[in-house]
C-alpha cells in the first residue's frame, strides 16, 4: 500500500472553532440538521471533557501505526488527530508516547476508529481521546498509508481541516466551510434551549410548550382514568 502525506490543508477560522468548542456534540449535530455524528462506536476514555479542533487525518493498515508517527509532524496547535484503518481493527494503535509527542505540539485530542492503550496514563496526562476499543495489543510500523486525505468514520466523511467536536456524547464532524454558520446555529439553539429550561423549571410541561397535545389528539391518543382503562381491558 503506497500513500501520500499532504501538507498545509485549509482549515476553518480559529474563532469559529473556538465558538464551536462552547457547544456540545448533540447541539452541534442538531444545528447542522442532525448530521455529522460518527455514531456510538467511538467512546471517550475520560469524562467531562469537550474539545474542538481541526482534523489531521490518518489512513493506515490495521495493526500498523507507521502513518500515525508520520502524522505527528503535520500536527500543530489546536489540531485533533483522526485515525482510521483500511479494514476494521481493534489493535492498540495509540498510547502514552504518542500523546506526549502530540501534547508538545499543542494537539487537543485524538479520535481513532481502532484501539487505544495506556488508558490510565492518558487520563493522568489529560490527553483527551475517543476510541472504538481499548486494547493492549501492540502494532507494527511496516506499511505505507496516507496523512491528510479524506477518511470515513461511522459513515461520515472527514477531510483534513474539518472541525472535530467531541465530548461525553461522542464525536461530530463539521465541514470546514460550515464552521461559522454551524457555530451561529448552535448559539441560536442554545438560546432556545435556555428558554425551554427556564420554562420547565417553572413547571411548564413539554406537551404544552411544544404544542404536542394537538398532535396526540390527531394521532388518536386519548386520556382515560385507571378505573376506566382497567374496566375496558377486562371487558
Protein backbone atom coordinates (compact mmCIF):
# COMPACT_ATOMS: atom_id res chain seq x y z
CA UNK A 1 0.00 0.00 0.00
CA UNK A 2 1.61 3.26 -1.12
CA UNK A 3 0.35 6.57 0.13
CA UNK A 4 0.76 10.31 0.39
CA UNK A 5 1.37 12.89 3.10
CA UNK A 6 -0.45 16.11 2.26
CA UNK A 7 0.85 19.29 3.84
CA UNK A 8 -0.93 22.56 4.57
CA UNK A 9 -4.63 21.69 4.10
CA UNK A 10 -7.15 24.52 4.53
CA UNK A 11 -8.76 24.97 7.94
CA UNK A 12 -11.75 26.73 9.42
CA UNK A 13 -11.23 30.10 11.06
CA UNK A 14 -9.80 29.69 14.57
CA UNK A 15 -12.53 31.93 16.01
CA UNK A 16 -15.24 29.68 14.63
CA UNK A 17 -13.51 26.59 16.01
CA UNK A 18 -13.34 28.21 19.45
CA UNK A 19 -17.01 29.11 19.21
CA UNK A 20 -17.91 25.50 18.39
CA UNK A 21 -15.89 24.34 21.40
CA UNK A 22 -18.50 26.01 23.59
CA UNK A 23 -21.30 23.72 22.44
CA UNK A 24 -21.97 20.05 23.00
CA UNK A 25 -21.87 17.38 20.31
CA UNK A 26 -25.64 16.96 20.42
CA UNK A 27 -26.23 20.70 19.98
CA UNK A 28 -23.80 20.96 17.07
CA UNK A 29 -25.31 17.96 15.30
CA UNK A 30 -28.83 19.30 15.75
CA UNK A 31 -27.69 22.69 14.47
CA UNK A 32 -26.50 21.00 11.26
CA UNK A 33 -29.83 19.26 10.76
CA UNK A 34 -28.99 16.12 12.75
CA UNK A 35 -25.93 15.30 10.67
CA UNK A 36 -22.22 14.81 11.26
CA UNK A 37 -22.28 12.23 14.05
CA UNK A 38 -19.76 9.40 13.81
CA UNK A 39 -22.08 7.10 15.74
CA UNK A 40 -21.99 5.39 19.14
CA UNK A 41 -18.94 3.27 18.33
CA UNK A 42 -16.44 5.96 19.38
CA UNK A 43 -16.38 6.48 23.13
CA UNK A 44 -14.32 8.80 25.34
CA UNK A 45 -11.76 7.34 27.71
CA UNK A 46 -12.41 10.23 30.10
CA UNK A 47 -15.44 12.10 31.44
CA UNK A 48 -16.38 15.74 31.45
CA UNK A 49 -14.10 16.82 28.60
CA UNK A 50 -15.13 18.72 25.48
CA UNK A 51 -12.78 19.66 22.65
CA UNK A 52 -12.95 21.18 19.20
CA UNK A 53 -10.13 21.36 16.68
CA UNK A 54 -9.00 20.93 13.10
CA UNK A 55 -8.75 17.37 11.83
CA UNK A 56 -5.40 15.92 10.82
CA UNK A 57 -6.42 12.64 9.22
CA UNK A 58 -4.59 9.33 9.01
CA UNK A 59 -5.42 6.27 6.90
CA UNK A 60 -3.44 3.19 7.99
CA UNK A 61 -3.36 -0.53 7.60
CA UNK A 62 -4.93 -2.33 10.57
CA UNK A 63 -2.42 -3.09 13.28
CA UNK A 64 0.14 -0.68 11.79
CA UNK A 65 0.76 2.77 13.25
CA UNK A 66 3.55 3.94 10.94
CA UNK A 67 1.41 6.67 9.41
CA UNK A 68 0.33 7.99 12.80
CA UNK A 69 4.01 8.56 13.54
CA UNK A 70 4.32 10.38 10.22
CA UNK A 71 1.25 12.46 11.02
CA UNK A 72 2.69 13.95 14.20
CA UNK A 73 4.87 16.24 12.10
CA UNK A 74 1.75 17.57 10.36
CA UNK A 75 0.00 18.36 13.65
CA UNK A 76 0.02 21.76 15.32
CA UNK A 77 -1.68 23.94 17.87
CA UNK A 78 -5.42 23.32 18.03
CA UNK A 79 -5.48 20.19 15.88
CA UNK A 80 -7.19 16.85 16.55
CA UNK A 81 -5.59 13.67 15.22
CA UNK A 82 -8.14 11.47 13.44
CA UNK A 83 -7.09 7.89 12.68
CA UNK A 84 -8.83 5.10 10.82
CA UNK A 85 -7.77 1.91 9.05
CA UNK A 86 -8.37 0.35 5.66
CA UNK A 87 -10.28 -2.51 7.31
CA UNK A 88 -11.71 -2.92 10.82
CA UNK A 89 -9.16 -3.07 13.63
CA UNK A 90 -9.21 -3.01 17.43
CA UNK A 91 -5.45 -3.22 17.96
CA UNK A 92 -3.96 -0.71 20.39
CA UNK A 93 -2.54 1.68 17.79
CA UNK A 94 -2.08 4.67 20.09
CA UNK A 95 -0.68 5.15 23.58
CA UNK A 96 1.12 7.38 26.04
CA UNK A 97 4.23 8.12 23.94
CA UNK A 98 2.12 9.30 21.02
CA UNK A 99 0.18 11.55 23.38
CA UNK A 100 3.40 13.03 24.76
CA UNK A 101 4.58 13.98 21.28
CA UNK A 102 1.20 15.44 20.32
CA UNK A 103 0.78 17.43 23.52
CA UNK A 104 4.15 19.02 22.87
CA UNK A 105 2.76 20.29 19.57
CA UNK A 106 -0.46 21.65 21.09
CA UNK A 107 -2.77 18.93 19.78
CA UNK A 108 -6.11 18.91 21.59
CA UNK A 109 -7.00 15.24 21.32
CA UNK A 110 -7.41 12.02 19.40
CA UNK A 111 -10.26 10.34 17.55
CA UNK A 112 -9.36 6.80 16.50
CA UNK A 113 -11.57 4.24 14.78
CA UNK A 114 -9.43 1.44 16.23
CA UNK A 115 -7.89 0.51 19.56
CA UNK A 116 -6.10 2.61 22.15
CA UNK A 117 -3.98 1.65 25.15
CA UNK A 118 -2.14 3.17 28.15
CA UNK A 119 -5.53 4.46 29.24
CA UNK A 120 -4.59 5.42 32.79
CA UNK A 121 -1.51 7.28 31.62
CA UNK A 122 -3.57 9.16 29.03
CA UNK A 123 -6.08 10.14 31.71
CA UNK A 124 -3.30 11.21 34.06
CA UNK A 125 -1.75 13.45 31.42
CA UNK A 126 -5.13 14.85 30.36
CA UNK A 127 -4.85 13.88 26.72
CA UNK A 128 -8.46 13.68 25.51
CA UNK A 129 -9.18 10.58 23.44
CA UNK A 130 -12.13 8.90 21.76
CA UNK A 131 -11.69 5.33 20.51
CA UNK A 132 -13.55 2.30 19.18
CA UNK A 133 -11.80 -0.11 21.54
CA UNK A 134 -9.36 -0.40 24.40
CA UNK A 135 -6.69 -2.99 23.69
CA UNK A 136 -3.16 -3.69 24.91
CA UNK A 137 -2.43 -5.47 21.62
CA UNK A 138 0.62 -3.87 20.04
CA UNK A 139 1.21 -2.86 16.43
CA UNK A 140 3.95 -2.75 13.80
CA UNK A 141 5.37 0.05 11.68
CA UNK A 142 5.70 -1.61 8.32
CA UNK A 143 3.18 -0.41 5.76
CA UNK A 144 2.56 2.84 3.93
CA UNK A 145 -0.62 4.83 4.19
CA UNK A 146 -1.77 8.43 3.94
CA UNK A 147 -1.96 11.59 6.02
CA UNK A 148 -4.36 14.49 5.45
CA UNK A 149 -6.62 12.74 2.97
CA UNK A 150 -10.40 12.30 3.32
CA UNK A 151 -11.33 9.36 5.55
CA UNK A 152 -14.64 7.81 6.58
CA UNK A 153 -15.61 7.03 10.17
CA UNK A 154 -19.10 5.95 11.14
CA UNK A 155 -20.41 6.86 7.71
CA UNK A 156 -19.08 10.43 7.96
CA UNK A 157 -16.50 11.78 5.54
CA UNK A 158 -13.83 13.67 7.45
CA UNK A 159 -11.47 15.86 5.43
CA UNK A 160 -8.28 17.41 6.73
CA UNK A 161 -9.15 20.76 8.23
CA UNK A 162 -12.75 19.86 9.03
CA UNK A 163 -13.73 20.69 12.59
CA UNK A 164 -13.99 17.87 15.11
CA UNK A 165 -16.14 18.43 18.19
CA UNK A 166 -16.07 15.70 20.84
CA UNK A 167 -17.45 15.26 24.34
CA UNK A 168 -19.08 12.63 26.55
CA UNK A 169 -21.79 12.08 23.91
CA UNK A 170 -19.35 11.14 21.15
CA UNK A 171 -17.90 12.87 18.09
CA UNK A 172 -19.34 15.14 15.40
CA UNK A 173 -17.60 16.48 12.30
CA UNK A 174 -18.35 19.95 10.94
CA UNK A 175 -17.26 20.66 7.35
CA UNK A 176 -14.72 23.46 7.50
CA UNK A 177 -16.81 25.64 5.15
CA UNK A 178 -19.78 25.37 7.52
CA UNK A 179 -17.97 26.17 10.76
CA UNK A 180 -19.25 29.72 11.12
CA UNK A 181 -22.86 29.03 10.19
CA UNK A 182 -22.88 25.98 12.47
CA UNK A 183 -21.50 28.00 15.38
CA UNK A 184 -24.20 30.61 14.84
CA UNK A 185 -26.92 27.96 14.57
CA UNK A 186 -25.59 26.28 17.71
CA UNK A 187 -25.78 29.57 19.58
CA UNK A 188 -29.39 30.04 18.47
CA UNK A 189 -30.23 26.51 19.59
CA UNK A 190 -28.60 27.07 22.98
CA UNK A 191 -30.66 30.24 23.44
CA UNK A 192 -33.84 28.36 22.57
CA UNK A 193 -32.99 25.55 24.97
CA UNK A 194 -32.24 28.04 27.74
CA UNK A 195 -35.74 29.45 27.38
CA UNK A 196 -37.22 25.95 27.48
CA UNK A 197 -35.13 25.06 30.54
CA UNK A 198 -36.41 28.12 32.37
CA UNK A 199 -39.99 27.23 31.46
CA UNK A 200 -39.59 23.66 32.72
CA UNK A 201 -38.10 24.95 35.97
CA UNK A 202 -41.28 26.99 36.40
CA UNK A 203 -43.38 23.84 35.94
CA UNK A 204 -44.42 24.04 32.28
CA UNK A 205 -44.81 20.68 30.57
CA UNK A 206 -43.46 19.59 27.20
CA UNK A 207 -46.89 18.81 25.69
CA UNK A 208 -47.96 22.40 26.38
CA UNK A 209 -44.73 24.17 25.44
CA UNK A 210 -44.31 22.28 22.18
CA UNK A 211 -47.97 22.09 21.22
CA UNK A 212 -47.97 18.30 21.49
CA UNK A 213 -51.45 17.87 22.90
CA UNK A 214 -52.92 18.57 19.48
CA UNK A 215 -50.56 16.03 17.94
CA UNK A 216 -51.51 13.39 20.49
CA UNK A 217 -55.16 14.04 19.74
CA UNK A 218 -54.57 13.85 15.97
CA UNK A 219 -52.82 10.50 16.46
CA UNK A 220 -55.78 9.15 18.39
CA UNK A 221 -54.00 9.02 21.73
CA UNK A 222 -56.59 9.59 24.45
CA UNK A 223 -56.62 10.11 28.20
CA UNK A 224 -58.58 7.75 30.42
CA UNK A 225 -58.76 7.04 34.13
CA UNK A 226 -57.16 3.95 35.65
CA UNK A 227 -60.59 2.60 36.60
CA UNK A 228 -61.99 3.04 33.09
CA UNK A 229 -58.86 1.55 31.50
CA UNK A 230 -58.97 -1.46 33.81
CA UNK A 231 -62.67 -1.99 33.14
CA UNK A 232 -62.22 -1.70 29.37
CA UNK A 233 -59.21 -4.03 29.39
CA UNK A 234 -61.18 -6.67 31.26
CA UNK A 235 -64.27 -6.38 29.12
